Amino acid sequence: MTWFHKRARKQKKPPANLAAIETQRVYKVERPQVGMRADAFVADRSPWYKAEQVQACFSEGRVRFGDAACPPDKLMARGEELVLQLPPPEEDITEMRRIPYEIVYEDDSILVVSKPPHLIVHPTGGYRYTTLLNALHWKYRSEDPAKDVAPRLVNRIDKETSGLVLLGKTGPAAGALGRALEQREVEKEYLAVVEGVVEKDHQMIDLPIGHPKDTHIEVLRAIDPDGQSAQTEVWVQERFKRFTLVRCRLHTGRMHQIRLHLRAIGHSLVCDHHYGVRDELRVSDLAEPPPAPSKIVSPYGYFEGDSNADVTERIRAADTLKRHEYEALCRGEIVPRPAGDSLLLGRCALHSHRLKIIHPTSGQPLELVAPLPRDVAGALERLRGVN
């Protein structure tokens, strides 16, 4: 093989344009997949699909080999292609151009945005098009395709978490930032409101994180002696009567790390519906004595008779309602609750507050800050009033 062919093989394809509506995907069999059954091959190339979803693709005739539907037990040969026909999107794809975010920093190499809560950062599950990354592709790849800018995520934050997200505008910049993140050269700090009064002004939490063994909700994690190493440094910023504002610095980047570590020391995040004691913070929760913490029926997980589509639709409906309530809180409006009560905060009280990086092109340090959004800031003002 010549030098030219070796170089060509190593070059990566540009990322897919997430602003374009996909109708099909073409999968070509490479050497490692030779001899695979067709259903195993499609599952391997579509890791976001569950096993039953892959089987549905075959039973509905949406996996094509040539001009015919492909049987799931076909054995694949090298160079053969399967076409996976995708159903039309269930989301309103025009939302891509209306998704809110704030550009905190931008140059030719990198992009840092502050995202609101109730927004997923990249396509997953029931969200194929209405995510932050789709919106950024619509802006940068649709407005001026000649510039050939393709935003690539470097870090991710949870759907309900607000704040800073780091992206590379080019492949080399994203790669350099990704390596810096792996080598713990990116400094990330969060602000969080937690249950109870944290006594220690400063502490380091060092607890490994793994997968829980007693749940069917795939996104959940747990403190696990056999899990991955995880360290979170915590400083108290402000104490209230029954709550505390803390600042957290991540020394590792495990999924749900801050949420799990704070719960482990007895101070779960306010409104953390997965790991916390309440799903909402209401005005009545500031009374003396306070009522029992409010819990609502989780849209996650399966009920008897549910299909994947049922769960997806339930999650999407809950997200839409929460997003509208968040927007109302930011406008200073009252969001009513039963018995004359009203909402103070309706999402996990976690905000990606500060990023410090070495710029991948200039080599200069760059520090960026996103102030607390109005929903958390408003809740803190009410807590100060109670104090």
Protein backbone atom coordinates (compact mmCIF):
# COMPACT_ATOMS: atom_id res chain seq x y z
CA MET A 1 0.00 0.00 0.00
CA THR A 2 1.36 3.43 -0.96
CA TRP A 3 1.87 6.35 1.43
CA PHE A 4 -1.00 8.20 -0.28
CA HIS A 5 -3.45 5.36 0.35
CA LYS A 6 -2.38 5.01 3.98
CA ARG A 7 -2.89 8.75 4.50
CA ALA A 8 -6.27 8.70 2.77
CA ARG A 9 -7.47 5.82 4.91
CA LYS A 10 -6.56 7.63 8.12
CA GLN A 11 -8.40 10.82 7.25
CA LYS A 12 -11.70 11.06 9.10
CA LYS A 13 -14.92 11.88 7.37
CA PRO A 14 -16.49 15.21 8.31
CA PRO A 15 -19.30 14.84 10.86
CA ALA A 16 -22.82 14.44 9.57
CA ASN A 17 -24.83 17.62 9.14
CA LEU A 18 -27.29 17.39 12.03
CA ALA A 19 -29.40 20.17 10.52
CA ALA A 20 -30.32 17.87 7.62
CA ILE A 21 -33.30 15.54 8.00
CA GLU A 22 -32.17 11.94 7.60
CA THR A 23 -34.34 9.55 5.61
CA GLN A 24 -31.92 6.61 5.56
CA ARG A 25 -28.51 5.37 6.64
CA VAL A 26 -26.21 3.21 4.55
CA TYR A 27 -24.03 0.72 6.43
CA LYS A 28 -21.13 -0.97 4.63
CA VAL A 29 -19.64 -4.19 5.95
CA GLU A 30 -15.99 -3.92 6.91
CA ARG A 31 -13.62 -6.74 7.81
CA PRO A 32 -14.57 -7.00 11.56
CA GLN A 33 -18.27 -7.43 10.67
CA VAL A 34 -17.83 -10.22 8.09
CA GLY A 35 -20.01 -13.21 9.00
CA MET A 36 -22.30 -11.25 11.31
CA ARG A 37 -26.02 -11.79 11.14
CA ALA A 38 -27.76 -8.78 9.60
CA ASP A 39 -29.62 -7.94 12.82
CA ALA A 40 -26.39 -8.06 14.86
CA PHE A 41 -24.67 -5.92 12.22
CA VAL A 42 -27.41 -3.25 12.35
CA ALA A 43 -27.32 -3.32 16.17
CA ASP A 44 -23.53 -2.89 16.08
CA ARG A 45 -23.79 0.12 13.75
CA SER A 46 -26.82 1.62 15.60
CA PRO A 47 -25.87 1.43 19.29
CA TRP A 48 -28.60 3.92 20.24
CA TYR A 49 -31.25 1.33 19.30
CA LYS A 50 -32.44 -1.23 21.83
CA ALA A 51 -32.68 -4.87 20.74
CA GLU A 52 -36.44 -4.71 20.26
CA GLN A 53 -36.08 -1.56 18.14
CA VAL A 54 -33.58 -3.31 15.86
CA GLN A 55 -35.96 -6.24 15.44
CA ALA A 56 -38.80 -3.83 14.64
CA CYS A 57 -36.71 -2.34 11.83
CA PHE A 58 -36.53 -5.80 10.23
CA SER A 59 -40.15 -6.79 10.87
CA GLU A 60 -41.33 -3.50 9.34
CA GLY A 61 -39.15 -4.06 6.26
CA ARG A 62 -37.06 -0.95 6.85
CA VAL A 63 -33.72 -2.78 6.49
CA ARG A 64 -33.06 -3.19 2.77
CA PHE A 65 -30.51 -5.28 0.91
CA GLY A 66 -30.57 -4.21 -2.72
CA ASP A 67 -34.22 -3.85 -3.74
CA ALA A 68 -35.63 -6.23 -1.15
CA ALA A 69 -36.24 -6.37 2.58
CA CYS A 70 -33.29 -7.96 4.35
CA PRO A 71 -33.93 -11.03 6.56
CA PRO A 72 -32.46 -10.66 10.07
CA ASP A 73 -30.51 -13.93 9.78
CA LYS A 74 -28.63 -13.03 6.59
CA LEU A 75 -24.88 -13.49 7.03
CA MET A 76 -22.98 -10.41 5.93
CA ALA A 77 -20.05 -10.46 3.47
CA ARG A 78 -17.33 -7.85 3.17
CA GLY A 79 -18.29 -4.85 1.03
CA GLU A 80 -22.04 -5.51 1.17
CA GLU A 81 -24.31 -2.62 2.10
CA LEU A 82 -27.52 -2.46 4.11
CA VAL A 83 -29.83 0.53 3.94
CA LEU A 84 -31.72 1.40 7.13
CA GLN A 85 -34.80 3.44 6.25
CA LEU A 86 -35.65 5.93 9.00
CA PRO A 87 -39.20 6.90 9.97
CA PRO A 88 -40.19 10.58 9.65
CA PRO A 89 -39.27 12.66 12.71
CA GLU A 90 -41.86 12.94 15.47
CA GLU A 91 -40.45 16.30 16.57
CA ASP A 92 -41.21 19.69 15.10
CA ILE A 93 -38.01 20.12 13.11
CA THR A 94 -38.56 23.88 12.76
CA GLU A 95 -37.68 24.07 16.47
CA MET A 96 -34.00 23.75 15.50
CA ARG A 97 -33.85 27.41 14.51
CA ARG A 98 -35.66 28.56 17.69
CA ILE A 99 -33.70 26.64 20.34
CA PRO A 100 -32.34 29.21 22.83
CA TYR A 101 -28.68 29.43 23.82
CA GLU A 102 -26.18 32.19 24.51
CA ILE A 103 -22.80 32.41 22.79
CA VAL A 104 -20.32 33.19 25.57
CA TYR A 105 -17.13 33.02 23.47
CA GLU A 106 -16.33 32.36 19.82
CA ASP A 107 -13.37 32.53 17.48
CA ASP A 108 -12.26 30.57 14.41
CA SER A 109 -11.39 27.46 16.45
CA ILE A 110 -13.72 27.12 19.41
CA LEU A 111 -17.20 27.94 20.57
CA VAL A 112 -18.53 28.17 24.13
CA VAL A 113 -22.26 28.47 24.69
CA SER A 114 -24.46 28.66 27.77
CA LYS A 115 -27.49 26.43 27.41
CA PRO A 116 -30.77 26.69 29.31
CA PRO A 117 -32.17 23.75 31.29
CA HIS A 118 -34.61 21.24 29.76
CA LEU A 119 -32.47 20.96 26.63
CA ILE A 120 -30.47 17.88 25.56
CA VAL A 121 -27.02 18.67 24.17
CA HIS A 122 -26.90 16.02 21.40
CA PRO A 123 -29.27 13.62 19.59
CA THR A 124 -30.28 10.66 21.74
CA GLY A 125 -33.38 8.64 22.55
CA GLY A 126 -36.53 10.43 21.43
CA TYR A 127 -34.64 13.61 20.53
CA ARG A 128 -33.13 13.40 17.05
CA TYR A 129 -33.38 17.04 15.97
CA THR A 130 -34.40 19.34 18.85
CA THR A 131 -31.06 19.45 20.68
CA LEU A 132 -28.37 22.05 21.23
CA LEU A 133 -25.99 20.43 18.72
CA ASN A 134 -28.71 20.31 16.04
CA ALA A 135 -29.38 24.01 16.61
CA LEU A 136 -25.69 24.85 16.28
CA HIS A 137 -25.39 22.81 13.09
CA TRP A 138 -28.41 24.64 11.71
CA LYS A 139 -26.72 27.98 12.46
CA TYR A 140 -23.22 27.18 11.25
CA ARG A 141 -23.80 24.59 8.53
CA SER A 142 -27.01 25.97 7.02
CA GLU A 143 -26.41 29.72 7.17
CA ASP A 144 -23.08 29.60 5.35
CA PRO A 145 -22.11 26.10 4.10
CA ALA A 146 -19.04 27.54 2.37
CA LYS A 147 -17.35 28.15 5.73
CA ASP A 148 -17.37 24.40 6.43
CA VAL A 149 -17.79 24.89 10.21
CA ALA A 150 -19.07 21.79 12.02
CA PRO A 151 -19.44 22.27 15.79
CA ARG A 152 -18.27 19.24 17.75
CA LEU A 153 -19.06 18.70 21.43
CA VAL A 154 -16.09 18.54 23.80
CA ASN A 155 -17.99 18.29 27.09
CA ARG A 156 -21.60 17.45 27.88
CA ILE A 157 -24.00 18.45 30.63
CA ASP A 158 -27.30 16.87 31.65
CA LYS A 159 -30.62 17.92 30.18
CA GLU A 160 -31.73 19.79 33.31
CA THR A 161 -28.32 21.33 33.99
CA SER A 162 -27.79 24.85 32.68
CA GLY A 163 -24.57 26.62 31.76
CA LEU A 164 -21.37 26.31 29.79
CA VAL A 165 -20.80 23.80 27.00
CA LEU A 166 -17.46 23.67 25.13
CA LEU A 167 -17.27 22.88 21.40
CA GLY A 168 -14.62 22.79 18.72
CA LYS A 169 -15.47 24.43 15.40
CA THR A 170 -12.87 22.33 13.59
CA GLY A 171 -11.71 18.75 13.94
CA PRO A 172 -8.17 19.61 15.16
CA ALA A 173 -9.50 22.08 17.76
CA ALA A 174 -12.07 19.60 19.08
CA GLY A 175 -9.42 16.88 19.20
CA ALA A 176 -6.98 19.06 21.15
CA LEU A 177 -9.67 20.10 23.63
CA GLY A 178 -10.82 16.50 24.00
CA ARG A 179 -7.30 15.37 24.86
CA ALA A 180 -6.96 18.21 27.37
CA LEU A 181 -10.22 17.11 28.98
CA GLU A 182 -9.01 13.49 29.22
CA GLN A 183 -5.74 14.66 30.78
CA ARG A 184 -7.68 16.78 33.32
CA GLU A 185 -6.30 20.04 31.98
CA VAL A 186 -9.75 21.63 31.66
CA GLU A 187 -10.99 23.22 34.88
CA LYS A 188 -14.77 22.88 35.31
CA GLU A 189 -16.78 24.37 38.16
CA TYR A 190 -20.48 24.18 38.93
CA LEU A 191 -22.82 25.99 41.28
CA ALA A 192 -25.44 23.85 43.04
CA VAL A 193 -28.19 24.31 45.62
CA VAL A 194 -28.35 21.34 47.98
CA GLU A 195 -30.60 20.06 50.73
CA GLY A 196 -29.60 20.82 54.31
CA VAL A 197 -26.84 22.97 55.79
CA VAL A 198 -23.37 21.78 54.73
CA GLU A 199 -21.06 22.06 57.73
CA LYS A 200 -17.60 21.85 56.14
CA ASP A 201 -16.46 24.97 54.30
CA HIS A 202 -14.31 22.85 52.00
CA GLN A 203 -14.04 19.11 51.30
CA MET A 204 -12.88 16.60 48.70
CA ILE A 205 -15.28 13.77 47.87
CA ASP A 206 -13.50 10.69 46.50
CA LEU A 207 -16.00 7.93 45.71
CA PRO A 208 -16.04 5.59 42.68
CA ILE A 209 -19.06 5.57 40.35
CA GLY A 210 -20.55 2.65 38.44
CA HIS A 211 -23.83 1.25 37.14
CA PRO A 212 -26.59 0.37 39.63
CA LYS A 213 -27.77 -3.22 39.58
CA ASP A 214 -31.36 -2.66 40.73
CA THR A 215 -32.89 -0.41 38.05
CA HIS A 216 -34.02 -0.60 34.42
CA ILE A 217 -33.43 3.13 33.86
CA GLU A 218 -30.26 3.11 31.77
CA VAL A 219 -29.12 6.66 32.54
CA LEU A 220 -28.79 6.09 36.28
CA ARG A 221 -25.46 5.67 38.05
CA ALA A 222 -24.48 4.75 41.63
CA ILE A 223 -21.63 4.86 44.10
CA ASP A 224 -19.88 1.55 43.47
CA PRO A 225 -16.67 0.24 45.10
CA ASP A 226 -15.87 -1.49 41.79
CA GLY A 227 -16.70 1.57 39.68
CA GLN A 228 -14.53 4.23 38.08
CA SER A 229 -12.50 6.60 40.23
CA ALA A 230 -14.24 9.98 40.77
CA GLN A 231 -13.26 13.11 42.74
CA THR A 232 -15.27 16.28 43.39
CA GLU A 233 -14.01 19.28 45.36
CA VAL A 234 -16.70 21.29 47.17
CA TRP A 235 -16.74 24.77 48.72
CA VAL A 236 -19.65 26.34 50.59
CA GLN A 237 -20.68 29.65 49.01
CA GLU A 238 -23.72 30.56 51.11
CA ARG A 239 -25.78 28.89 53.84
CA PHE A 240 -29.53 29.24 54.28
CA LYS A 241 -31.97 27.97 56.87
CA ARG A 242 -32.42 24.52 55.32
CA PHE A 243 -30.36 24.71 52.12
CA THR A 244 -26.81 25.52 50.97
CA LEU A 245 -25.30 27.03 47.81
CA VAL A 246 -22.06 25.20 46.98
CA ARG A 247 -19.36 25.44 44.31
CA CYS A 248 -18.07 22.14 42.91
CA ARG A 249 -14.90 21.52 40.91
CA LEU A 250 -14.73 18.32 38.90
CA HIS A 251 -11.41 16.48 39.03
CA THR A 252 -12.92 13.66 36.95
CA GLY A 253 -15.86 13.66 34.57
CA ARG A 254 -18.13 10.73 35.41
CA MET A 255 -21.79 10.73 34.50
CA HIS A 256 -23.95 12.30 37.27
CA GLN A 257 -20.80 12.72 39.38
CA ILE A 258 -21.79 15.87 41.29
CA ARG A 259 -25.32 14.62 41.87
CA LEU A 260 -24.12 11.30 43.30
CA HIS A 261 -21.26 12.71 45.36
CA LEU A 262 -23.41 15.35 47.05
CA ARG A 263 -26.09 12.80 47.84
CA ALA A 264 -23.40 10.52 49.29
CA ILE A 265 -22.47 13.15 51.90
CA GLY A 266 -26.14 13.67 52.81
CA HIS A 267 -26.82 16.80 50.74
CA SER A 268 -28.58 15.84 47.52
CA LEU A 269 -29.29 18.48 44.90
CA VAL A 270 -32.53 20.37 45.23
CA CYS A 271 -35.12 19.13 42.69
CA ASP A 272 -33.01 16.16 41.58
CA HIS A 273 -35.80 13.78 40.52
CA HIS A 274 -33.41 10.82 40.12
CA TYR A 275 -31.33 11.09 43.28
CA GLY A 276 -32.95 13.76 45.46
CA VAL A 277 -35.73 14.08 48.04
CA ARG A 278 -37.98 16.45 46.07
CA ASP A 279 -38.91 17.11 42.45
CA GLU A 280 -39.95 20.74 42.96
CA LEU A 281 -39.12 23.56 45.34
CA ARG A 282 -42.30 25.42 46.25
CA VAL A 283 -43.07 28.52 48.30
CA SER A 284 -44.63 26.30 50.98
CA ASP A 285 -41.27 24.52 51.42
CA LEU A 286 -39.92 27.68 53.06
CA ALA A 287 -42.57 27.59 55.80
CA GLU A 288 -41.96 26.52 59.38
CA PRO A 289 -42.43 23.61 59.75
CA PRO A 290 -42.04 22.63 56.07
CA PRO A 291 -44.40 20.15 54.40
CA ALA A 292 -43.27 16.79 53.07
CA PRO A 293 -41.10 17.25 49.94
CA SER A 294 -43.15 17.23 46.73
CA LYS A 295 -42.69 14.20 44.46
CA ILE A 296 -44.31 13.76 41.07
CA VAL A 297 -44.76 10.67 38.89
CA SER A 298 -41.55 10.22 36.93
CA PRO A 299 -41.91 10.09 33.15
CA TYR A 300 -38.91 7.75 33.01
CA GLY A 301 -39.16 3.99 33.10
CA TYR A 302 -41.82 1.63 31.82
CA PHE A 303 -45.32 1.05 33.11
CA GLU A 304 -47.32 -2.09 32.33
CA GLY A 305 -48.10 -2.25 28.62
CA ASP A 306 -45.78 0.62 27.67
CA SER A 307 -43.93 0.68 24.38
CA ASN A 308 -40.75 2.64 23.64
CA ALA A 309 -42.91 5.20 21.84
CA ASP A 310 -45.12 5.60 24.94
CA VAL A 311 -42.14 6.35 27.18
CA THR A 312 -40.59 8.70 24.62
CA GLU A 313 -43.82 10.65 24.23
CA ARG A 314 -44.30 10.88 28.01
CA ILE A 315 -40.76 12.21 28.52
CA ARG A 316 -41.12 14.71 25.69
CA ALA A 317 -44.45 16.01 27.08
CA ALA A 318 -42.97 16.40 30.58
CA ASP A 319 -39.94 18.23 29.18
CA THR A 320 -42.16 20.64 27.24
CA LEU A 321 -44.20 21.49 30.34
CA LYS A 322 -41.09 22.01 32.46
CA ARG A 323 -39.52 24.22 29.80
CA HIS A 324 -42.61 26.44 29.67
CA GLU A 325 -42.65 26.73 33.47
CA TYR A 326 -38.94 27.61 33.47
CA GLU A 327 -39.56 30.36 30.92
CA ALA A 328 -42.42 31.71 33.04
CA LEU A 329 -40.19 31.81 36.16
CA CYS A 330 -37.54 33.67 34.18
CA ARG A 331 -40.17 36.26 33.20
CA GLY A 332 -41.02 36.74 36.88
CA GLU A 333 -44.44 35.11 36.55
CA ILE A 334 -46.18 33.04 39.22
CA VAL A 335 -46.42 29.35 38.34
CA PRO A 336 -49.35 28.06 40.43
CA ARG A 337 -49.51 24.83 42.37
CA PRO A 338 -52.44 23.24 44.29
CA ALA A 339 -53.82 24.81 47.49
CA GLY A 340 -52.63 28.30 46.58
CA ASP A 341 -48.99 27.24 46.44
CA SER A 342 -46.53 28.27 43.70
CA LEU A 343 -43.34 27.00 42.11
CA LEU A 344 -39.89 28.35 43.02
CA LEU A 345 -37.71 25.88 41.12
CA GLY A 346 -38.72 22.98 38.88
CA ARG A 347 -35.42 21.42 37.80
CA CYS A 348 -32.20 20.04 39.20
CA ALA A 349 -30.40 22.99 40.83
CA LEU A 350 -27.09 22.57 39.00
CA HIS A 351 -25.35 25.14 36.79
CA SER A 352 -22.12 24.81 34.78
CA HIS A 353 -20.63 28.08 36.00
CA ARG A 354 -16.98 28.30 34.99
CA LEU A 355 -14.55 26.83 32.44
CA LYS A 356 -10.81 27.41 32.30
CA ILE A 357 -8.91 26.03 29.31
CA ILE A 358 -5.72 26.48 27.34
CA HIS A 359 -6.75 27.71 23.92
CA PRO A 360 -5.89 24.96 21.38
CA THR A 361 -4.59 27.44 18.79
CA SER A 362 -3.07 30.38 20.70
CA GLY A 363 -1.87 28.38 23.71
CA GLN A 364 -3.16 31.15 26.00
CA PRO A 365 -5.31 30.50 29.08
CA LEU A 366 -8.99 31.30 28.64
CA GLU A 367 -11.44 31.58 31.55
CA LEU A 368 -15.20 31.85 30.95
CA VAL A 369 -18.10 32.32 33.36
CA ALA A 370 -21.87 31.99 32.96
CA PRO A 371 -23.98 33.69 35.66
CA LEU A 372 -26.82 31.79 37.31
CA PRO A 373 -30.01 31.77 35.23
CA ARG A 374 -33.03 33.59 36.57
CA ASP A 375 -34.87 30.53 37.92
CA VAL A 376 -32.06 29.53 40.33
CA ALA A 377 -31.18 33.17 41.10
CA GLY A 378 -34.83 33.87 41.94
CA ALA A 379 -35.05 30.84 44.24
CA LEU A 380 -31.89 31.98 46.06
CA GLU A 381 -33.38 35.43 46.61
CA ARG A 382 -36.40 33.83 48.28
CA LEU A 383 -34.10 31.71 50.46
CA ARG A 384 -32.21 34.85 51.51
CA GLY A 385 -35.50 36.46 52.44
CA VAL A 386 -36.32 33.53 54.74
CA ASN A 387 -32.88 33.84 56.36
